[in-house]
Amino acid sequence: MVKMVRKTKVNGEKWVMEMQLLLVMAGGFLGAAVRFALGEWIGSADFPLATLLANLSGCLFLGWFMTFSSRQEGRWREMSLLVGTGFTGSFTTFSTFSLEMVQLIRDGAIWQGAFYSGISIVGGLLLAYIGYKFVDVQLGRRGDH
C-alpha cells in the first residue's frame, strides 16, 4: 500500500498527497466524460476519427497548457494536475489508438492504418510544438525557452 505523506510546495504551503490525487481524479473524470461525449457525437465508422481528434486536440492543448503553466506563479502546480494530468490524460488515449491500429491491420485496411498512424504521430508532435510555441506569442516572448 502506498503511504500518503505531506509534501512542501514551492510557495511554502503544505499540500497533502490526497488532495493532489483528488485533483487528478476530478480532472480524469471530466476528461473521460468529454472523450465519451466526443465518441458518441462523431459515432463509429470505418476510420477512428473520434480518437484522432481527441489525441490531436489533446496534443495541441497539452503543449500549450503545460508550457503556459510552467511559466506562471501561484497554484499552477495544482492546475497542471487537474487539467494536464487528469483531464487531458484521460481525454487523450494511446491505448485506444493502439487497439484501433490493430483492428485496421486485422481488417486489411493497411493504407488507412498507415495514414492514421502517420497523422497521429507526426500531427501530434507538430501540434504539441505549436502549442508550446504559442505561449511565446501569447506572452510576447521570442526564442526557445
N, C-alpha and C. Protein backbone atom coordinates (compact mmCIF):
# COMPACT_ATOMS: atom_id res chain seq x y z
N MET A 1 0.84 -1.18 0.00
CA MET A 1 0.00 0.00 0.00
C MET A 1 0.88 1.24 0.00
N VAL A 2 0.49 2.25 -0.73
CA VAL A 2 1.25 3.48 -0.81
C VAL A 2 0.98 4.33 0.43
N LYS A 3 2.03 4.78 1.06
CA LYS A 3 1.87 5.64 2.24
C LYS A 3 1.70 7.08 1.76
N MET A 4 0.66 7.74 2.23
CA MET A 4 0.40 9.13 1.87
C MET A 4 1.21 10.03 2.81
N VAL A 5 2.00 10.91 2.23
CA VAL A 5 2.85 11.80 3.02
C VAL A 5 2.58 13.24 2.63
N ARG A 6 2.97 14.13 3.51
CA ARG A 6 2.83 15.56 3.22
C ARG A 6 4.03 15.99 2.39
N LYS A 7 3.79 16.91 1.49
CA LYS A 7 4.85 17.45 0.66
C LYS A 7 4.85 18.97 0.78
N THR A 8 6.02 19.58 0.69
CA THR A 8 6.12 21.03 0.71
C THR A 8 6.22 21.52 -0.73
N LYS A 9 5.41 22.48 -1.09
CA LYS A 9 5.41 23.05 -2.44
C LYS A 9 6.29 24.30 -2.47
N VAL A 10 6.54 24.79 -3.68
CA VAL A 10 7.39 25.95 -3.90
C VAL A 10 6.92 27.15 -3.10
N ASN A 11 5.62 27.36 -3.01
CA ASN A 11 5.10 28.53 -2.33
C ASN A 11 5.10 28.37 -0.81
N GLY A 12 5.62 27.26 -0.30
CA GLY A 12 5.75 27.08 1.13
C GLY A 12 4.54 26.51 1.82
N GLU A 13 3.42 26.39 1.11
CA GLU A 13 2.23 25.82 1.73
C GLU A 13 2.35 24.30 1.76
N LYS A 14 1.70 23.71 2.73
CA LYS A 14 1.67 22.25 2.82
C LYS A 14 0.46 21.72 2.05
N TRP A 15 0.70 20.77 1.20
CA TRP A 15 -0.40 20.13 0.47
C TRP A 15 -0.31 18.64 0.73
N VAL A 16 -1.39 18.03 0.98
CA VAL A 16 -1.44 16.61 1.24
C VAL A 16 -1.56 15.88 -0.10
N MET A 17 -0.85 14.75 -0.21
CA MET A 17 -0.87 13.99 -1.45
C MET A 17 -2.29 13.57 -1.82
N GLU A 18 -3.14 13.37 -0.84
CA GLU A 18 -4.52 13.01 -1.13
C GLU A 18 -5.22 14.10 -1.94
N MET A 19 -4.93 15.34 -1.65
CA MET A 19 -5.54 16.45 -2.40
C MET A 19 -5.06 16.42 -3.84
N GLN A 20 -3.79 16.14 -4.05
CA GLN A 20 -3.27 16.04 -5.41
C GLN A 20 -3.94 14.89 -6.16
N LEU A 21 -4.11 13.78 -5.48
CA LEU A 21 -4.79 12.63 -6.09
C LEU A 21 -6.23 12.99 -6.44
N LEU A 22 -6.92 13.70 -5.58
CA LEU A 22 -8.30 14.12 -5.87
C LEU A 22 -8.37 15.05 -7.08
N LEU A 23 -7.38 15.92 -7.23
CA LEU A 23 -7.34 16.81 -8.39
C LEU A 23 -7.19 16.00 -9.68
N VAL A 24 -6.29 15.01 -9.67
CA VAL A 24 -6.10 14.16 -10.85
C VAL A 24 -7.37 13.37 -11.14
N MET A 25 -7.99 12.84 -10.09
CA MET A 25 -9.22 12.07 -10.28
C MET A 25 -10.36 12.93 -10.83
N ALA A 26 -10.52 14.13 -10.32
CA ALA A 26 -11.58 15.02 -10.79
C ALA A 26 -11.36 15.38 -12.25
N GLY A 27 -10.13 15.74 -12.60
CA GLY A 27 -9.82 16.05 -13.99
C GLY A 27 -10.00 14.83 -14.88
N GLY A 28 -9.59 13.67 -14.38
CA GLY A 28 -9.75 12.43 -15.14
C GLY A 28 -11.20 12.10 -15.41
N PHE A 29 -12.04 12.32 -14.42
CA PHE A 29 -13.48 12.08 -14.60
C PHE A 29 -14.04 12.98 -15.70
N LEU A 30 -13.69 14.25 -15.65
CA LEU A 30 -14.21 15.20 -16.65
C LEU A 30 -13.66 14.90 -18.04
N GLY A 31 -12.37 14.60 -18.12
CA GLY A 31 -11.76 14.28 -19.41
C GLY A 31 -12.36 13.04 -20.04
N ALA A 32 -12.60 12.01 -19.22
CA ALA A 32 -13.21 10.78 -19.72
C ALA A 32 -14.63 11.04 -20.19
N ALA A 33 -15.37 11.88 -19.47
CA ALA A 33 -16.74 12.20 -19.87
C ALA A 33 -16.77 12.95 -21.20
N VAL A 34 -15.85 13.89 -21.37
CA VAL A 34 -15.79 14.65 -22.63
C VAL A 34 -15.35 13.73 -23.77
N ARG A 35 -14.41 12.83 -23.50
CA ARG A 35 -13.95 11.88 -24.51
C ARG A 35 -15.10 10.96 -24.94
N PHE A 36 -15.88 10.49 -23.98
CA PHE A 36 -17.03 9.66 -24.28
C PHE A 36 -18.04 10.43 -25.13
N ALA A 37 -18.32 11.68 -24.76
CA ALA A 37 -19.28 12.51 -25.50
C ALA A 37 -18.80 12.75 -26.93
N LEU A 38 -17.50 12.97 -27.11
CA LEU A 38 -16.95 13.17 -28.45
C LEU A 38 -17.16 11.91 -29.30
N GLY A 39 -16.89 10.75 -28.72
CA GLY A 39 -17.10 9.50 -29.44
C GLY A 39 -18.55 9.27 -29.81
N GLU A 40 -19.45 9.62 -28.92
CA GLU A 40 -20.88 9.47 -29.19
C GLU A 40 -21.33 10.46 -30.26
N TRP A 41 -20.81 11.67 -30.22
CA TRP A 41 -21.20 12.71 -31.17
C TRP A 41 -20.73 12.36 -32.58
N ILE A 42 -19.47 11.92 -32.69
CA ILE A 42 -18.91 11.57 -34.00
C ILE A 42 -19.41 10.21 -34.46
N GLY A 43 -19.59 9.30 -33.54
CA GLY A 43 -20.05 7.96 -33.88
C GLY A 43 -18.91 7.09 -34.37
N SER A 44 -19.23 5.84 -34.61
CA SER A 44 -18.20 4.91 -35.08
C SER A 44 -18.31 4.78 -36.59
N ALA A 45 -17.19 4.59 -37.20
CA ALA A 45 -17.14 4.43 -38.65
C ALA A 45 -15.97 3.52 -38.98
N ASP A 46 -15.64 3.43 -40.25
CA ASP A 46 -14.50 2.61 -40.66
C ASP A 46 -13.17 3.23 -40.25
N PHE A 47 -13.20 4.54 -40.00
CA PHE A 47 -11.97 5.25 -39.61
C PHE A 47 -12.16 5.83 -38.22
N PRO A 48 -11.18 5.68 -37.34
CA PRO A 48 -11.29 6.14 -35.93
C PRO A 48 -11.12 7.65 -35.77
N LEU A 49 -12.05 8.42 -36.34
CA LEU A 49 -11.95 9.87 -36.33
C LEU A 49 -12.03 10.47 -34.93
N ALA A 50 -12.89 9.93 -34.07
CA ALA A 50 -13.04 10.49 -32.72
C ALA A 50 -11.73 10.39 -31.93
N THR A 51 -11.06 9.26 -32.03
CA THR A 51 -9.78 9.10 -31.32
C THR A 51 -8.73 10.03 -31.91
N LEU A 52 -8.69 10.14 -33.23
CA LEU A 52 -7.74 11.03 -33.87
C LEU A 52 -7.95 12.47 -33.42
N LEU A 53 -9.19 12.94 -33.42
CA LEU A 53 -9.48 14.31 -33.00
C LEU A 53 -9.15 14.52 -31.52
N ALA A 54 -9.49 13.55 -30.69
CA ALA A 54 -9.18 13.67 -29.26
C ALA A 54 -7.67 13.75 -29.04
N ASN A 55 -6.93 12.89 -29.70
CA ASN A 55 -5.48 12.86 -29.49
C ASN A 55 -4.79 14.10 -30.07
N LEU A 56 -5.17 14.52 -31.26
CA LEU A 56 -4.53 15.70 -31.85
C LEU A 56 -4.87 16.97 -31.09
N SER A 57 -6.14 17.15 -30.74
CA SER A 57 -6.50 18.35 -29.98
C SER A 57 -5.86 18.31 -28.59
N GLY A 58 -5.74 17.12 -28.01
CA GLY A 58 -5.07 16.98 -26.72
C GLY A 58 -3.60 17.33 -26.79
N CYS A 59 -2.93 16.96 -27.89
CA CYS A 59 -1.52 17.32 -28.08
C CYS A 59 -1.33 18.83 -28.15
N LEU A 60 -2.16 19.49 -28.94
CA LEU A 60 -2.09 20.94 -29.06
C LEU A 60 -2.36 21.60 -27.71
N PHE A 61 -3.43 21.17 -27.05
CA PHE A 61 -3.79 21.77 -25.77
C PHE A 61 -2.73 21.51 -24.70
N LEU A 62 -2.25 20.27 -24.60
CA LEU A 62 -1.28 19.95 -23.55
C LEU A 62 0.04 20.67 -23.79
N GLY A 63 0.46 20.79 -25.06
CA GLY A 63 1.66 21.56 -25.37
C GLY A 63 1.54 23.00 -24.90
N TRP A 64 0.37 23.60 -25.16
CA TRP A 64 0.14 24.97 -24.72
C TRP A 64 0.01 25.05 -23.20
N PHE A 65 -0.86 24.23 -22.63
CA PHE A 65 -1.19 24.36 -21.22
C PHE A 65 0.02 24.11 -20.31
N MET A 66 0.76 23.04 -20.56
CA MET A 66 1.88 22.72 -19.68
C MET A 66 3.00 23.76 -19.82
N THR A 67 3.20 24.28 -21.02
CA THR A 67 4.20 25.33 -21.20
C THR A 67 3.75 26.61 -20.51
N PHE A 68 2.51 26.99 -20.71
CA PHE A 68 1.98 28.19 -20.08
C PHE A 68 2.03 28.08 -18.56
N SER A 69 1.56 26.96 -18.04
CA SER A 69 1.51 26.80 -16.58
C SER A 69 2.90 26.74 -15.96
N SER A 70 3.89 26.24 -16.71
CA SER A 70 5.25 26.19 -16.17
C SER A 70 5.87 27.58 -16.03
N ARG A 71 5.30 28.56 -16.70
CA ARG A 71 5.83 29.93 -16.65
C ARG A 71 5.02 30.84 -15.73
N GLN A 72 4.10 30.25 -14.98
CA GLN A 72 3.24 31.03 -14.10
C GLN A 72 3.64 30.84 -12.64
N GLU A 73 3.22 31.76 -11.84
CA GLU A 73 3.44 31.66 -10.40
C GLU A 73 2.13 31.29 -9.73
N GLY A 74 2.20 30.91 -8.50
CA GLY A 74 0.99 30.60 -7.75
C GLY A 74 0.66 29.12 -7.78
N ARG A 75 -0.60 28.83 -7.87
CA ARG A 75 -1.07 27.46 -7.74
C ARG A 75 -1.17 26.72 -9.07
N TRP A 76 -0.27 26.96 -9.97
CA TRP A 76 -0.33 26.31 -11.27
C TRP A 76 0.05 24.84 -11.20
N ARG A 77 0.77 24.44 -10.17
CA ARG A 77 1.08 23.02 -10.00
C ARG A 77 -0.23 22.24 -9.82
N GLU A 78 -1.12 22.75 -9.01
CA GLU A 78 -2.39 22.07 -8.79
C GLU A 78 -3.24 22.08 -10.07
N MET A 79 -3.20 23.20 -10.80
CA MET A 79 -3.95 23.28 -12.06
C MET A 79 -3.39 22.28 -13.08
N SER A 80 -2.07 22.10 -13.10
CA SER A 80 -1.49 21.15 -14.05
C SER A 80 -1.88 19.71 -13.70
N LEU A 81 -2.07 19.42 -12.41
CA LEU A 81 -2.55 18.09 -12.02
C LEU A 81 -4.00 17.89 -12.46
N LEU A 82 -4.83 18.90 -12.23
CA LEU A 82 -6.24 18.81 -12.58
C LEU A 82 -6.44 18.77 -14.09
N VAL A 83 -5.85 19.72 -14.78
CA VAL A 83 -6.11 19.89 -16.22
C VAL A 83 -5.15 19.08 -17.09
N GLY A 84 -3.86 19.14 -16.79
CA GLY A 84 -2.88 18.45 -17.62
C GLY A 84 -2.89 16.94 -17.42
N THR A 85 -2.61 16.50 -16.20
CA THR A 85 -2.54 15.07 -15.91
C THR A 85 -3.93 14.43 -15.92
N GLY A 86 -4.87 15.04 -15.21
CA GLY A 86 -6.20 14.44 -15.08
C GLY A 86 -7.05 14.54 -16.33
N PHE A 87 -7.46 15.77 -16.67
CA PHE A 87 -8.38 15.96 -17.80
C PHE A 87 -7.77 15.50 -19.12
N THR A 88 -6.62 16.08 -19.49
CA THR A 88 -6.05 15.77 -20.80
C THR A 88 -5.54 14.33 -20.87
N GLY A 89 -5.03 13.83 -19.74
CA GLY A 89 -4.57 12.45 -19.71
C GLY A 89 -5.68 11.45 -19.97
N SER A 90 -6.88 11.72 -19.50
CA SER A 90 -7.98 10.79 -19.74
C SER A 90 -8.73 11.11 -21.04
N PHE A 91 -8.65 12.33 -21.50
CA PHE A 91 -9.29 12.71 -22.76
C PHE A 91 -8.57 12.09 -23.95
N THR A 92 -7.24 12.13 -23.92
CA THR A 92 -6.45 11.52 -24.98
C THR A 92 -6.25 10.05 -24.64
N THR A 93 -5.98 9.24 -25.65
CA THR A 93 -5.96 7.82 -25.37
C THR A 93 -5.04 7.05 -26.32
N PHE A 94 -3.86 6.73 -25.84
CA PHE A 94 -2.91 5.96 -26.64
C PHE A 94 -3.35 4.51 -26.76
N SER A 95 -3.95 3.98 -25.72
CA SER A 95 -4.38 2.58 -25.77
C SER A 95 -5.47 2.37 -26.83
N THR A 96 -6.40 3.30 -26.95
CA THR A 96 -7.44 3.18 -27.98
C THR A 96 -6.81 3.32 -29.36
N PHE A 97 -5.89 4.25 -29.52
CA PHE A 97 -5.16 4.40 -30.78
C PHE A 97 -4.51 3.07 -31.15
N SER A 98 -3.84 2.44 -30.21
CA SER A 98 -3.14 1.18 -30.48
C SER A 98 -4.11 0.07 -30.87
N LEU A 99 -5.21 -0.04 -30.15
CA LEU A 99 -6.21 -1.06 -30.47
C LEU A 99 -6.82 -0.82 -31.84
N GLU A 100 -7.13 0.43 -32.15
CA GLU A 100 -7.71 0.74 -33.46
C GLU A 100 -6.72 0.47 -34.58
N MET A 101 -5.44 0.66 -34.33
CA MET A 101 -4.43 0.32 -35.33
C MET A 101 -4.42 -1.19 -35.59
N VAL A 102 -4.48 -1.97 -34.53
CA VAL A 102 -4.52 -3.43 -34.67
C VAL A 102 -5.77 -3.85 -35.46
N GLN A 103 -6.90 -3.23 -35.16
CA GLN A 103 -8.14 -3.57 -35.87
C GLN A 103 -8.07 -3.20 -37.35
N LEU A 104 -7.48 -2.04 -37.68
CA LEU A 104 -7.33 -1.65 -39.08
C LEU A 104 -6.45 -2.64 -39.83
N ILE A 105 -5.36 -3.03 -39.21
CA ILE A 105 -4.46 -4.00 -39.85
C ILE A 105 -5.16 -5.35 -40.00
N ARG A 106 -5.85 -5.78 -38.94
CA ARG A 106 -6.58 -7.06 -38.97
C ARG A 106 -7.62 -7.06 -40.08
N ASP A 107 -8.27 -5.91 -40.29
CA ASP A 107 -9.31 -5.81 -41.31
C ASP A 107 -8.75 -5.57 -42.71
N GLY A 108 -7.44 -5.54 -42.85
CA GLY A 108 -6.81 -5.36 -44.15
C GLY A 108 -6.75 -3.92 -44.62
N ALA A 109 -7.04 -2.98 -43.76
CA ALA A 109 -7.02 -1.55 -44.12
C ALA A 109 -5.63 -0.99 -43.85
N ILE A 110 -4.66 -1.53 -44.54
CA ILE A 110 -3.25 -1.18 -44.30
C ILE A 110 -3.00 0.30 -44.58
N TRP A 111 -3.51 0.82 -45.68
CA TRP A 111 -3.27 2.23 -46.03
C TRP A 111 -3.96 3.17 -45.05
N GLN A 112 -5.16 2.81 -44.62
CA GLN A 112 -5.84 3.62 -43.59
C GLN A 112 -5.04 3.59 -42.29
N GLY A 113 -4.52 2.42 -41.94
CA GLY A 113 -3.71 2.29 -40.74
C GLY A 113 -2.44 3.11 -40.82
N ALA A 114 -1.79 3.08 -41.99
CA ALA A 114 -0.56 3.86 -42.18
C ALA A 114 -0.87 5.36 -42.08
N PHE A 115 -1.96 5.79 -42.71
CA PHE A 115 -2.36 7.20 -42.63
C PHE A 115 -2.67 7.59 -41.19
N TYR A 116 -3.47 6.77 -40.51
CA TYR A 116 -3.86 7.03 -39.12
C TYR A 116 -2.64 7.11 -38.22
N SER A 117 -1.75 6.17 -38.38
CA SER A 117 -0.53 6.16 -37.56
C SER A 117 0.33 7.38 -37.85
N GLY A 118 0.54 7.67 -39.13
CA GLY A 118 1.38 8.80 -39.50
C GLY A 118 0.82 10.13 -39.04
N ILE A 119 -0.46 10.35 -39.28
CA ILE A 119 -1.07 11.62 -38.90
C ILE A 119 -1.13 11.75 -37.38
N SER A 120 -1.32 10.64 -36.69
CA SER A 120 -1.36 10.68 -35.22
C SER A 120 -0.01 11.05 -34.64
N ILE A 121 1.04 10.42 -35.13
CA ILE A 121 2.37 10.65 -34.57
C ILE A 121 2.94 11.99 -35.03
N VAL A 122 3.00 12.20 -36.34
CA VAL A 122 3.58 13.45 -36.85
C VAL A 122 2.70 14.64 -36.48
N GLY A 123 1.40 14.49 -36.66
CA GLY A 123 0.47 15.57 -36.31
C GLY A 123 0.50 15.88 -34.83
N GLY A 124 0.56 14.84 -34.00
CA GLY A 124 0.62 15.05 -32.55
C GLY A 124 1.86 15.80 -32.12
N LEU A 125 3.00 15.40 -32.65
CA LEU A 125 4.24 16.10 -32.32
C LEU A 125 4.22 17.54 -32.80
N LEU A 126 3.75 17.75 -34.02
CA LEU A 126 3.68 19.10 -34.58
C LEU A 126 2.73 19.98 -33.77
N LEU A 127 1.57 19.46 -33.42
CA LEU A 127 0.60 20.26 -32.67
C LEU A 127 1.08 20.54 -31.25
N ALA A 128 1.76 19.59 -30.62
CA ALA A 128 2.32 19.84 -29.29
C ALA A 128 3.35 20.96 -29.37
N TYR A 129 4.17 20.96 -30.42
CA TYR A 129 5.17 22.01 -30.60
C TYR A 129 4.50 23.36 -30.87
N ILE A 130 3.46 23.37 -31.68
CA ILE A 130 2.73 24.61 -31.96
C ILE A 130 2.13 25.16 -30.66
N GLY A 131 1.56 24.28 -29.84
CA GLY A 131 1.03 24.71 -28.55
C GLY A 131 2.12 25.30 -27.66
N TYR A 132 3.28 24.65 -27.66
CA TYR A 132 4.43 25.14 -26.90
C TYR A 132 4.85 26.53 -27.37
N LYS A 133 4.99 26.70 -28.68
CA LYS A 133 5.44 27.98 -29.23
C LYS A 133 4.38 29.07 -29.11
N PHE A 134 3.12 28.70 -29.08
CA PHE A 134 2.05 29.68 -28.95
C PHE A 134 2.17 30.46 -27.65
N VAL A 135 2.72 29.84 -26.63
CA VAL A 135 2.90 30.54 -25.35
C VAL A 135 3.84 31.72 -25.54
N ASP A 136 4.89 31.56 -26.35
CA ASP A 136 5.79 32.68 -26.62
C ASP A 136 5.05 33.84 -27.26
N VAL A 137 4.18 33.54 -28.22
CA VAL A 137 3.39 34.56 -28.87
C VAL A 137 2.42 35.19 -27.88
N GLN A 138 1.78 34.36 -27.10
CA GLN A 138 0.80 34.82 -26.11
C GLN A 138 1.44 35.71 -25.06
N LEU A 139 2.64 35.37 -24.61
CA LEU A 139 3.31 36.14 -23.59
C LEU A 139 4.27 37.19 -24.15
N GLY A 140 4.29 37.29 -25.48
CA GLY A 140 5.12 38.30 -26.11
C GLY A 140 6.62 38.03 -26.02
N ARG A 141 6.98 36.75 -26.02
CA ARG A 141 8.40 36.37 -25.93
C ARG A 141 8.85 35.77 -27.25
N ARG A 142 10.15 35.80 -27.45
CA ARG A 142 10.74 35.19 -28.63
C ARG A 142 11.82 34.21 -28.21
N GLY A 143 12.13 33.26 -29.10
CA GLY A 143 13.21 32.32 -28.84
C GLY A 143 12.78 31.11 -28.07
N ASP A 144 13.69 30.14 -27.97
CA ASP A 144 13.41 28.89 -27.25
C ASP A 144 13.57 29.10 -25.77
N HIS A 145 12.71 28.45 -25.01
CA HIS A 145 12.77 28.50 -23.55
C HIS A 145 12.87 27.12 -23.01
